[in-house]
Amino acid sequence: MGRGLVLVPLSPLRGDGKMNVTLKLRSENWLLLGGYDTKFHKDDPFRTQSIKGLWRYWLRAYIAGALYEAGKLKCKKECVAEIKYICEKTGDILGSLNSASKFRIIVNKVSFDEKECKNINGAQRIRLLSLGRREKVSHGENLYVEIRIEESPHVKKVDENEEKLALGSLLTALSLNGVGKGGRRGLGTFSIEVDGFEGGFLKGKKIDYNMLRELINETLDSARSYLNLGVEKVSEIPLLDCVSRLKIDLSEIDESISLFNKKEAPVFIVIKVEPKTKKRMEDTVIELQDFFYRPGRSGRMGFKITSADKSQDSITRKRLAWFLGLPREQRETGYTSDVNRRASPIHLAVHEENALFTFFLSGDWPTEIKWRGLHEEGQQSKKPLDVDGGRVKEAYLCSISSLENYLKKMNYNYEVVYP
């Protein structure tokens, strides 16, 4: 075991004993922090709103994970009371309509270059953002920013577990996601140097992604202590995206997996990916992004273009592409449902040294999803797909299995770094 997550005193800037942590962030790839017009704004080069939303998502996932491990998420459908509780506890730390956040982000220093996206037209997310626009999408490059995380002035005292949970969830967010547009698809990542706390997951003040297990476990333990919860044996999937170290039996699903034993399948998994030969950052981002899109995935795998029923791509053939996010409809084909949007439970963060894929297994999917194929005829293509727990488990394992095959084909090494 390492040192865990330990707050240490900072400089004389704060003599009142309150938390004061500085993060030095340097962008690693294309950063799109623009607003509705997809433009990079010089007057606001680092939008703290992007970090706040990401921070809140991961804090909520940790709180949900602590509840799941304590056997408190056994609701069968909508989990209304449980979701309300999770939102309340998240709001107690990062603010809500009823109370201000206990922590604030202060930008101390920022510098950047501004460029047009001339060299990244191959990135799928950039192409989607450019649809219907005459002008180029602009982005920030070589962005360096120092931000200070401190307790808000109105706060008299913050519990140590709250501080560790808040900081741990923020560092997790910046490790497993990028910031801004395309942040779940490999764009907008930062290298992170930290001052103000210690941890065995740090190497020369930077996060060591080989030691993510320690960061995540320490933060999850802080969530349990914050909520005063224990751990119980759980055998079913969580109903929400959860950060959890628990494993369940998925051996009944007919899918080949080499990363783990299906009898002990994690409900939350982080896979570290590295190219076997040195590649440019641009090429790595584009190659890994293409996994999420049928044309890119099939083309790189060398699959022939056929109907869905005859596709060599198992995600397509088994009608499981909805797991990559809803709605997923283009040119009158694809997947839709009654929900406006359901983000993919697969996240990608591409850092300079390696990339990280994160998978969540949870049951919060529509029970019916409509699918229409371009070449399929008759009623079969119009019939809704029934989505139950078994179907979600199948989609989860099939996506991981497909990723393994994709990474082998693209000449990448990969390993599980959590749990």
Protein backbone atom coordinates (compact mmCIF):
# COMPACT_ATOMS: atom_id res chain seq x y z
CA MET A 1 0.00 0.00 0.00
CA GLY A 2 1.13 3.56 -0.70
CA ARG A 3 0.62 6.65 1.34
CA GLY A 4 -2.99 7.12 0.37
CA LEU A 5 -4.48 10.53 -0.26
CA VAL A 6 -3.08 12.87 2.39
CA LEU A 7 -3.63 16.61 2.57
CA VAL A 8 -0.48 18.56 3.47
CA PRO A 9 -0.04 22.20 4.46
CA LEU A 10 0.59 24.62 1.63
CA SER A 11 2.38 27.93 1.53
CA PRO A 12 1.66 30.87 3.81
CA LEU A 13 -1.09 31.93 1.39
CA ARG A 14 -3.57 30.34 3.78
CA GLY A 15 -2.80 30.41 7.46
CA ASP A 16 -6.23 29.37 8.67
CA GLY A 17 -5.71 25.63 8.25
CA LYS A 18 -8.20 25.35 5.39
CA MET A 19 -7.56 23.21 2.35
CA ASN A 20 -5.62 24.82 -0.48
CA VAL A 21 -4.53 22.63 -3.39
CA THR A 22 -2.95 23.79 -6.67
CA LEU A 23 -3.24 21.86 -9.94
CA LYS A 24 -0.90 22.69 -12.80
CA LEU A 25 -2.52 21.54 -16.02
CA ARG A 26 -0.88 21.33 -19.44
CA SER A 27 -2.98 20.31 -22.46
CA GLU A 28 -1.92 17.11 -24.21
CA ASN A 29 -4.11 17.18 -27.32
CA TRP A 30 -6.79 19.23 -29.06
CA LEU A 31 -8.83 21.28 -26.64
CA LEU A 32 -12.27 22.52 -27.69
CA LEU A 33 -13.66 24.71 -24.93
CA GLY A 34 -15.79 26.98 -27.12
CA GLY A 35 -19.47 27.53 -26.51
CA TYR A 36 -22.33 27.14 -28.96
CA ASP A 37 -20.21 28.45 -31.87
CA THR A 38 -17.43 25.86 -31.32
CA LYS A 39 -14.89 28.68 -31.26
CA PHE A 40 -11.93 29.01 -28.92
CA HIS A 41 -12.45 32.25 -26.98
CA LYS A 42 -9.30 34.20 -26.11
CA ASP A 43 -11.04 36.13 -23.35
CA ASP A 44 -12.00 32.87 -21.62
CA PRO A 45 -9.37 30.30 -22.69
CA PHE A 46 -10.02 27.97 -19.77
CA ARG A 47 -13.69 27.61 -18.94
CA THR A 48 -14.05 26.38 -15.34
CA GLN A 49 -17.65 25.39 -16.13
CA SER A 50 -16.27 22.45 -18.12
CA ILE A 51 -14.37 21.15 -15.11
CA LYS A 52 -17.27 21.71 -12.72
CA GLY A 53 -19.65 19.56 -14.76
CA LEU A 54 -17.08 16.79 -15.05
CA TRP A 55 -16.24 17.02 -11.36
CA ARG A 56 -19.91 16.72 -10.39
CA TYR A 57 -20.40 13.64 -12.61
CA TRP A 58 -17.52 11.73 -11.02
CA LEU A 59 -18.39 12.77 -7.48
CA ARG A 60 -21.91 11.46 -8.09
CA ALA A 61 -20.47 8.19 -9.46
CA TYR A 62 -18.36 7.72 -6.31
CA ILE A 63 -21.33 8.39 -4.02
CA ALA A 64 -23.46 5.98 -6.05
CA GLY A 65 -20.65 3.42 -5.87
CA ALA A 66 -20.48 3.60 -2.09
CA LEU A 67 -24.25 3.07 -1.92
CA TYR A 68 -24.07 0.16 -4.36
CA GLU A 69 -21.33 -1.58 -2.39
CA ALA A 70 -23.41 -1.16 0.76
CA GLY A 71 -26.39 -2.86 -0.89
CA LYS A 72 -28.41 0.38 -0.97
CA LEU A 73 -29.11 0.41 -4.73
CA LYS A 74 -31.39 -2.61 -4.99
CA CYS A 75 -34.29 -0.66 -6.47
CA LYS A 76 -35.80 -2.36 -9.49
CA LYS A 77 -36.79 0.47 -11.82
CA GLU A 78 -36.25 4.21 -11.57
CA CYS A 79 -34.55 4.48 -8.14
CA VAL A 80 -36.29 7.83 -7.52
CA ALA A 81 -35.51 8.06 -3.79
CA GLU A 82 -31.96 6.79 -4.28
CA ILE A 83 -31.21 9.24 -7.09
CA LYS A 84 -32.60 12.09 -5.00
CA TYR A 85 -30.32 11.09 -2.12
CA ILE A 86 -27.26 10.87 -4.39
CA CYS A 87 -28.02 14.32 -5.85
CA GLU A 88 -28.49 15.78 -2.37
CA LYS A 89 -25.17 14.41 -1.13
CA THR A 90 -23.42 15.62 -4.29
CA GLY A 91 -25.01 19.04 -3.84
CA ASP A 92 -23.91 19.19 -0.21
CA ILE A 93 -20.30 19.19 -1.47
CA LEU A 94 -20.40 20.92 -4.87
CA GLY A 95 -23.51 23.02 -4.45
CA SER A 96 -27.16 22.87 -5.49
CA LEU A 97 -30.17 25.14 -5.81
CA ASN A 98 -30.39 25.09 -2.02
CA SER A 99 -26.76 25.62 -1.04
CA ALA A 100 -23.49 26.98 -2.39
CA SER A 101 -20.52 24.76 -3.16
CA LYS A 102 -18.08 24.07 -0.34
CA PHE A 103 -15.21 24.32 -2.82
CA ARG A 104 -14.28 26.79 -5.50
CA ILE A 105 -11.90 26.86 -8.47
CA ILE A 106 -9.66 29.89 -8.90
CA VAL A 107 -7.62 30.34 -12.08
CA ASN A 108 -4.20 31.67 -11.09
CA LYS A 109 -2.38 31.60 -14.41
CA VAL A 110 -3.16 30.74 -18.01
CA SER A 111 -1.30 30.81 -21.34
CA PHE A 112 -2.14 29.28 -24.73
CA ASP A 113 -1.82 29.23 -28.52
CA GLU A 114 -4.81 29.44 -30.83
CA LYS A 115 -5.00 27.41 -34.03
CA GLU A 116 -7.54 26.23 -36.55
CA CYS A 117 -8.19 22.51 -36.73
CA LYS A 118 -6.44 22.06 -40.07
CA ASN A 119 -4.52 18.97 -39.00
CA ILE A 120 -7.29 17.07 -37.25
CA ASN A 121 -10.03 16.72 -39.83
CA GLY A 122 -9.65 12.95 -39.47
CA ALA A 123 -10.98 13.04 -35.90
CA GLN A 124 -14.60 11.95 -35.87
CA ARG A 125 -15.69 14.35 -33.13
CA ILE A 126 -14.21 17.31 -35.02
CA ARG A 127 -16.01 16.28 -38.21
CA LEU A 128 -19.31 16.11 -36.34
CA LEU A 129 -18.78 19.56 -34.84
CA SER A 130 -18.00 20.94 -38.29
CA LEU A 131 -21.18 19.68 -39.99
CA GLY A 132 -23.05 22.47 -41.73
CA ARG A 133 -20.43 25.09 -40.91
CA ARG A 134 -18.39 27.03 -43.42
CA GLU A 135 -15.76 28.21 -40.96
CA LYS A 136 -13.12 26.03 -39.36
CA VAL A 137 -13.49 24.79 -35.80
CA SER A 138 -10.81 26.49 -33.70
CA HIS A 139 -9.08 24.98 -30.71
CA GLY A 140 -6.57 25.83 -28.02
CA GLU A 141 -3.10 24.37 -28.15
CA ASN A 142 -0.27 24.31 -25.60
CA LEU A 143 -2.67 25.54 -22.94
CA TYR A 144 -1.08 25.85 -19.51
CA VAL A 145 -3.21 26.75 -16.53
CA GLU A 146 -2.74 26.80 -12.78
CA ILE A 147 -5.94 26.43 -10.78
CA ARG A 148 -6.38 26.54 -7.04
CA ILE A 149 -8.97 24.37 -5.32
CA GLU A 150 -9.91 25.75 -1.96
CA GLU A 151 -12.75 25.85 0.50
CA SER A 152 -15.34 28.53 -0.21
CA PRO A 153 -15.18 31.60 2.07
CA HIS A 154 -18.61 30.91 3.61
CA VAL A 155 -17.56 27.44 4.81
CA LYS A 156 -16.53 27.23 8.44
CA LYS A 157 -15.35 23.65 8.44
CA VAL A 158 -15.17 20.77 5.96
CA ASP A 159 -14.87 17.17 7.07
CA GLU A 160 -11.62 15.44 6.05
CA ASN A 161 -13.55 12.75 4.17
CA GLU A 162 -15.38 15.45 2.22
CA GLU A 163 -12.05 17.00 1.23
CA LYS A 164 -10.57 13.66 0.15
CA LEU A 165 -13.74 12.70 -1.73
CA ALA A 166 -13.88 16.06 -3.50
CA LEU A 167 -10.21 16.06 -4.49
CA GLY A 168 -10.15 12.39 -5.40
CA SER A 169 -13.19 12.68 -7.66
CA LEU A 170 -11.70 15.74 -9.39
CA LEU A 171 -8.39 13.97 -10.05
CA THR A 172 -10.28 10.92 -11.31
CA ALA A 173 -12.27 13.14 -13.66
CA LEU A 174 -9.13 14.74 -15.10
CA SER A 175 -7.50 11.31 -15.49
CA LEU A 176 -10.34 9.39 -17.13
CA ASN A 177 -11.93 12.20 -19.16
CA GLY A 178 -10.87 15.19 -21.16
CA VAL A 179 -12.30 18.68 -20.73
CA GLY A 180 -14.66 20.35 -23.20
CA LYS A 181 -16.17 19.01 -26.41
CA GLY A 182 -15.17 15.43 -27.12
CA GLY A 183 -13.96 15.01 -23.54
CA ARG A 184 -15.37 11.48 -23.37
CA ARG A 185 -13.83 10.61 -26.71
CA GLY A 186 -10.16 11.32 -26.11
CA LEU A 187 -10.02 15.08 -26.68
CA GLY A 188 -9.09 17.80 -24.19
CA THR A 189 -6.81 15.82 -21.86
CA PHE A 190 -4.26 17.37 -19.52
CA SER A 191 -1.12 16.31 -17.74
CA ILE A 192 -1.64 17.08 -14.06
CA GLU A 193 0.92 18.27 -11.52
CA VAL A 194 -0.35 18.68 -7.97
CA ASP A 195 0.69 20.65 -4.91
CA GLY A 196 -1.06 20.43 -1.58
CA PHE A 197 -1.51 16.73 -0.95
CA GLU A 198 0.40 13.49 -1.15
CA GLY A 199 -0.53 10.08 -2.51
CA GLY A 200 1.04 6.84 -3.63
CA PHE A 201 -0.57 7.42 -7.02
CA LEU A 202 1.73 10.39 -7.61
CA LYS A 203 5.12 10.17 -9.27
CA GLY A 204 7.13 13.37 -9.20
CA LYS A 205 3.92 15.24 -8.32
CA LYS A 206 2.19 13.86 -11.43
CA ILE A 207 -0.48 11.15 -11.50
CA ASP A 208 0.93 7.72 -12.32
CA TYR A 209 -1.77 5.98 -14.34
CA ASN A 210 -0.34 2.60 -13.36
CA MET A 211 -1.37 3.50 -9.80
CA LEU A 212 -4.94 4.58 -10.52
CA ARG A 213 -6.16 1.72 -8.36
CA GLU A 214 -4.86 3.49 -5.28
CA LEU A 215 -6.40 6.84 -6.18
CA ILE A 216 -9.80 5.28 -6.90
CA ASN A 217 -9.85 3.03 -3.83
CA GLU A 218 -8.80 5.84 -1.49
CA THR A 219 -11.52 8.09 -2.90
CA LEU A 220 -14.13 5.34 -2.72
CA ASP A 221 -13.20 4.63 0.89
CA SER A 222 -13.62 8.35 1.63
CA ALA A 223 -17.10 8.22 0.06
CA ARG A 224 -18.01 5.28 2.30
CA SER A 225 -16.73 7.08 5.39
CA TYR A 226 -18.48 10.30 4.37
CA LEU A 227 -21.78 8.40 4.07
CA ASN A 228 -21.05 6.11 7.05
CA LEU A 229 -21.58 2.95 4.99
CA GLY A 230 -20.17 -0.56 5.06
CA VAL A 231 -19.78 -3.20 2.33
CA GLU A 232 -22.16 -6.04 1.52
CA LYS A 233 -22.12 -8.87 -0.99
CA VAL A 234 -23.89 -7.74 -4.17
CA SER A 235 -24.75 -10.06 -7.05
CA GLU A 236 -26.61 -7.84 -9.53
CA ILE A 237 -25.55 -4.90 -11.70
CA PRO A 238 -25.97 -1.38 -10.31
CA LEU A 239 -28.89 0.69 -11.56
CA LEU A 240 -26.64 3.74 -12.11
CA ASP A 241 -23.08 4.42 -13.30
CA CYS A 242 -20.99 3.62 -10.23
CA VAL A 243 -17.32 3.70 -9.35
CA SER A 244 -17.00 0.35 -7.61
CA ARG A 245 -14.44 -2.38 -7.01
CA LEU A 246 -17.12 -5.09 -6.85
CA LYS A 247 -17.27 -7.99 -9.30
CA ILE A 248 -20.26 -10.11 -10.27
CA ASP A 249 -20.87 -13.37 -12.12
CA LEU A 250 -21.50 -12.86 -15.84
CA SER A 251 -20.51 -16.37 -16.89
CA GLU A 252 -23.96 -17.00 -18.41
CA ILE A 253 -23.18 -14.50 -21.19
CA ASP A 254 -21.78 -16.18 -24.30
CA GLU A 255 -18.89 -13.84 -25.04
CA SER A 256 -15.13 -14.41 -25.18
CA ILE A 257 -13.13 -12.19 -22.80
CA SER A 258 -9.42 -12.46 -21.99
CA LEU A 259 -9.06 -9.42 -19.69
CA PHE A 260 -10.88 -11.03 -16.76
CA ASN A 261 -12.77 -14.12 -15.64
CA LYS A 262 -16.46 -13.71 -16.42
CA LYS A 263 -17.34 -15.29 -13.07
CA GLU A 264 -15.71 -12.24 -11.49
CA ALA A 265 -16.57 -9.49 -13.93
CA PRO A 266 -16.06 -5.90 -12.72
CA VAL A 267 -18.98 -3.49 -12.98
CA PHE A 268 -16.47 -0.66 -13.42
CA ILE A 269 -13.23 -1.23 -15.31
CA VAL A 270 -10.34 0.95 -16.49
CA ILE A 271 -8.13 -0.40 -19.29
CA LYS A 272 -4.75 1.19 -19.99
CA VAL A 273 -3.71 1.21 -23.65
CA GLU A 274 -0.31 1.86 -25.21
CA PRO A 275 0.80 1.62 -28.86
CA LYS A 276 3.47 -1.03 -29.39
CA THR A 277 5.40 1.37 -31.62
CA LYS A 278 5.70 5.11 -31.12
CA LYS A 279 2.85 7.08 -32.70
CA ARG A 280 1.94 10.71 -33.02
CA MET A 281 -0.70 11.88 -30.58
CA GLU A 282 -2.95 12.83 -33.52
CA ASP A 283 -2.84 9.29 -34.92
CA THR A 284 -3.53 7.70 -31.54
CA VAL A 285 -6.58 9.90 -30.93
CA ILE A 286 -8.06 9.22 -34.37
CA GLU A 287 -7.40 5.46 -34.24
CA LEU A 288 -8.94 5.02 -30.81
CA GLN A 289 -11.88 7.31 -31.55
CA ASP A 290 -12.72 5.22 -34.60
CA PHE A 291 -13.60 2.28 -32.35
CA PHE A 292 -16.83 4.07 -31.40
CA TYR A 293 -18.09 4.43 -34.98
CA ARG A 294 -19.18 1.54 -37.17
CA PRO A 295 -17.53 2.75 -40.43
CA GLY A 296 -14.24 3.52 -38.69
CA ARG A 297 -14.25 0.31 -36.65
CA SER A 298 -15.19 -1.90 -39.59
CA GLY A 299 -12.74 -0.22 -41.95
CA ARG A 300 -9.78 -0.59 -39.61
CA MET A 301 -10.71 -4.20 -38.86
CA GLY A 302 -10.92 -4.98 -42.56
CA PHE A 303 -14.59 -6.00 -42.41
CA LYS A 304 -16.63 -6.06 -45.60
CA ILE A 305 -19.57 -3.69 -45.96
CA THR A 306 -22.69 -5.83 -45.60
CA SER A 307 -26.13 -5.76 -44.01
CA ALA A 308 -26.24 -5.75 -40.23
CA ASP A 309 -27.32 -9.41 -40.11
CA LYS A 310 -24.22 -10.51 -42.03
CA SER A 311 -21.75 -8.05 -40.49
CA GLN A 312 -18.42 -9.37 -39.21
CA ASP A 313 -18.60 -6.67 -36.53
CA SER A 314 -20.27 -8.33 -33.54
CA ILE A 315 -21.53 -5.03 -32.07
CA THR A 316 -23.42 -4.38 -35.30
CA ARG A 317 -24.57 -7.96 -35.94
CA LYS A 318 -25.96 -8.40 -32.43
CA ARG A 319 -27.76 -5.02 -32.53
CA LEU A 320 -25.76 -3.68 -29.58
CA ALA A 321 -24.47 -0.35 -30.91
CA TRP A 322 -26.96 1.48 -28.66
CA PHE A 323 -24.47 0.76 -25.86
CA LEU A 324 -22.19 3.31 -27.53
CA GLY A 325 -24.73 6.05 -26.79
CA LEU A 326 -28.30 7.14 -27.63
CA PRO A 327 -29.66 8.54 -29.83
CA ARG A 328 -27.45 6.99 -32.45
CA GLU A 329 -29.28 7.79 -35.66
CA GLN A 330 -27.92 9.08 -38.97
CA ARG A 331 -29.48 9.22 -42.42
CA GLU A 332 -32.65 7.46 -41.21
CA THR A 333 -30.73 4.49 -39.84
CA GLY A 334 -29.57 3.53 -36.38
CA TYR A 335 -30.96 3.51 -32.85
CA THR A 336 -33.49 5.75 -31.13
CA SER A 337 -35.61 5.57 -27.99
CA ASP A 338 -38.05 7.61 -25.95
CA VAL A 339 -35.18 9.20 -23.97
CA ASN A 340 -33.64 12.35 -25.43
CA ARG A 341 -30.12 11.15 -24.81
CA ARG A 342 -28.26 8.42 -22.98
CA ALA A 343 -24.51 8.96 -23.04
CA SER A 344 -22.23 6.02 -23.72
CA PRO A 345 -20.91 4.25 -20.59
CA ILE A 346 -17.55 3.93 -22.38
CA HIS A 347 -15.12 6.81 -21.83
CA LEU A 348 -11.76 7.43 -23.53
CA ALA A 349 -8.94 9.68 -22.32
CA VAL A 350 -5.84 9.91 -24.52
CA HIS A 351 -2.78 11.11 -22.62
CA GLU A 352 0.75 11.58 -23.92
CA GLU A 353 2.14 8.32 -22.54
CA ASN A 354 -0.95 6.11 -22.75
CA ALA A 355 -4.70 6.09 -23.17
CA LEU A 356 -7.41 4.97 -20.76
CA PHE A 357 -10.73 3.30 -21.63
CA THR A 358 -13.35 3.28 -18.86
CA PHE A 359 -16.45 1.04 -18.91
CA PHE A 360 -19.49 1.31 -16.63
CA LEU A 361 -22.03 -1.51 -16.31
CA SER A 362 -25.42 -0.24 -15.13
CA GLY A 363 -29.11 -0.87 -15.74
CA ASP A 364 -30.36 2.65 -16.48
CA TRP A 365 -31.28 2.03 -20.13
CA PRO A 366 -34.63 2.33 -21.92
CA THR A 367 -36.51 -0.97 -21.92
CA GLU A 368 -37.24 -0.58 -25.63
CA ILE A 369 -34.94 0.77 -28.34
CA LYS A 370 -36.00 1.26 -31.95
CA TRP A 371 -33.62 0.19 -34.69
CA ARG A 372 -33.72 0.72 -38.43
CA GLY A 373 -31.19 -0.65 -40.89
CA LEU A 374 -30.50 0.84 -44.29
CA HIS A 375 -30.49 -2.46 -46.20
CA GLU A 376 -32.87 -4.48 -44.01
CA GLU A 377 -36.38 -4.98 -45.31
CA GLY A 378 -39.62 -6.06 -43.68
CA GLN A 379 -40.85 -5.74 -40.12
CA GLN A 380 -37.74 -7.11 -38.41
CA SER A 381 -35.85 -3.84 -38.81
CA LYS A 382 -38.81 -1.86 -37.43
CA LYS A 383 -39.46 -4.06 -34.39
CA PRO A 384 -38.22 -2.49 -31.13
CA LEU A 385 -35.36 -4.19 -29.34
CA ASP A 386 -36.21 -5.34 -25.82
CA VAL A 387 -33.49 -4.24 -23.41
CA ASP A 388 -33.34 -5.99 -20.04
CA GLY A 389 -30.51 -6.73 -17.61
CA GLY A 390 -29.29 -9.69 -19.65
CA ARG A 391 -29.15 -7.61 -22.81
CA VAL A 392 -27.16 -4.87 -21.06
CA LYS A 393 -24.69 -7.43 -19.72
CA GLU A 394 -24.29 -8.85 -23.22
CA ALA A 395 -23.64 -5.37 -24.66
CA TYR A 396 -21.08 -4.64 -21.94
CA LEU A 397 -19.08 -7.81 -22.52
CA CYS A 398 -19.41 -7.63 -26.30
CA SER A 399 -18.06 -4.06 -26.29
CA ILE A 400 -15.05 -5.05 -24.18
CA SER A 401 -14.41 -8.13 -26.34
CA SER A 402 -14.65 -6.02 -29.51
CA LEU A 403 -12.24 -3.49 -28.04
CA GLU A 404 -9.74 -6.26 -27.30
CA ASN A 405 -9.88 -7.44 -30.92
CA TYR A 406 -9.65 -3.87 -32.18
CA LEU A 407 -6.59 -3.08 -30.07
CA LYS A 408 -4.85 -6.26 -31.22
CA LYS A 409 -5.52 -5.34 -34.84
CA MET A 410 -4.29 -1.78 -34.32
CA ASN A 411 -1.10 -3.01 -32.61
CA TYR A 412 -1.70 -1.77 -29.05
CA ASN A 413 -0.78 -3.29 -25.71
CA TYR A 414 -3.54 -3.19 -23.10
CA GLU A 415 -4.13 -4.17 -19.48
CA VAL A 416 -6.64 -3.68 -16.70
CA VAL A 417 -5.47 -1.07 -14.16
CA TYR A 418 -8.74 -1.06 -12.18
CA PRO A 419 -10.10 -2.88 -10.27
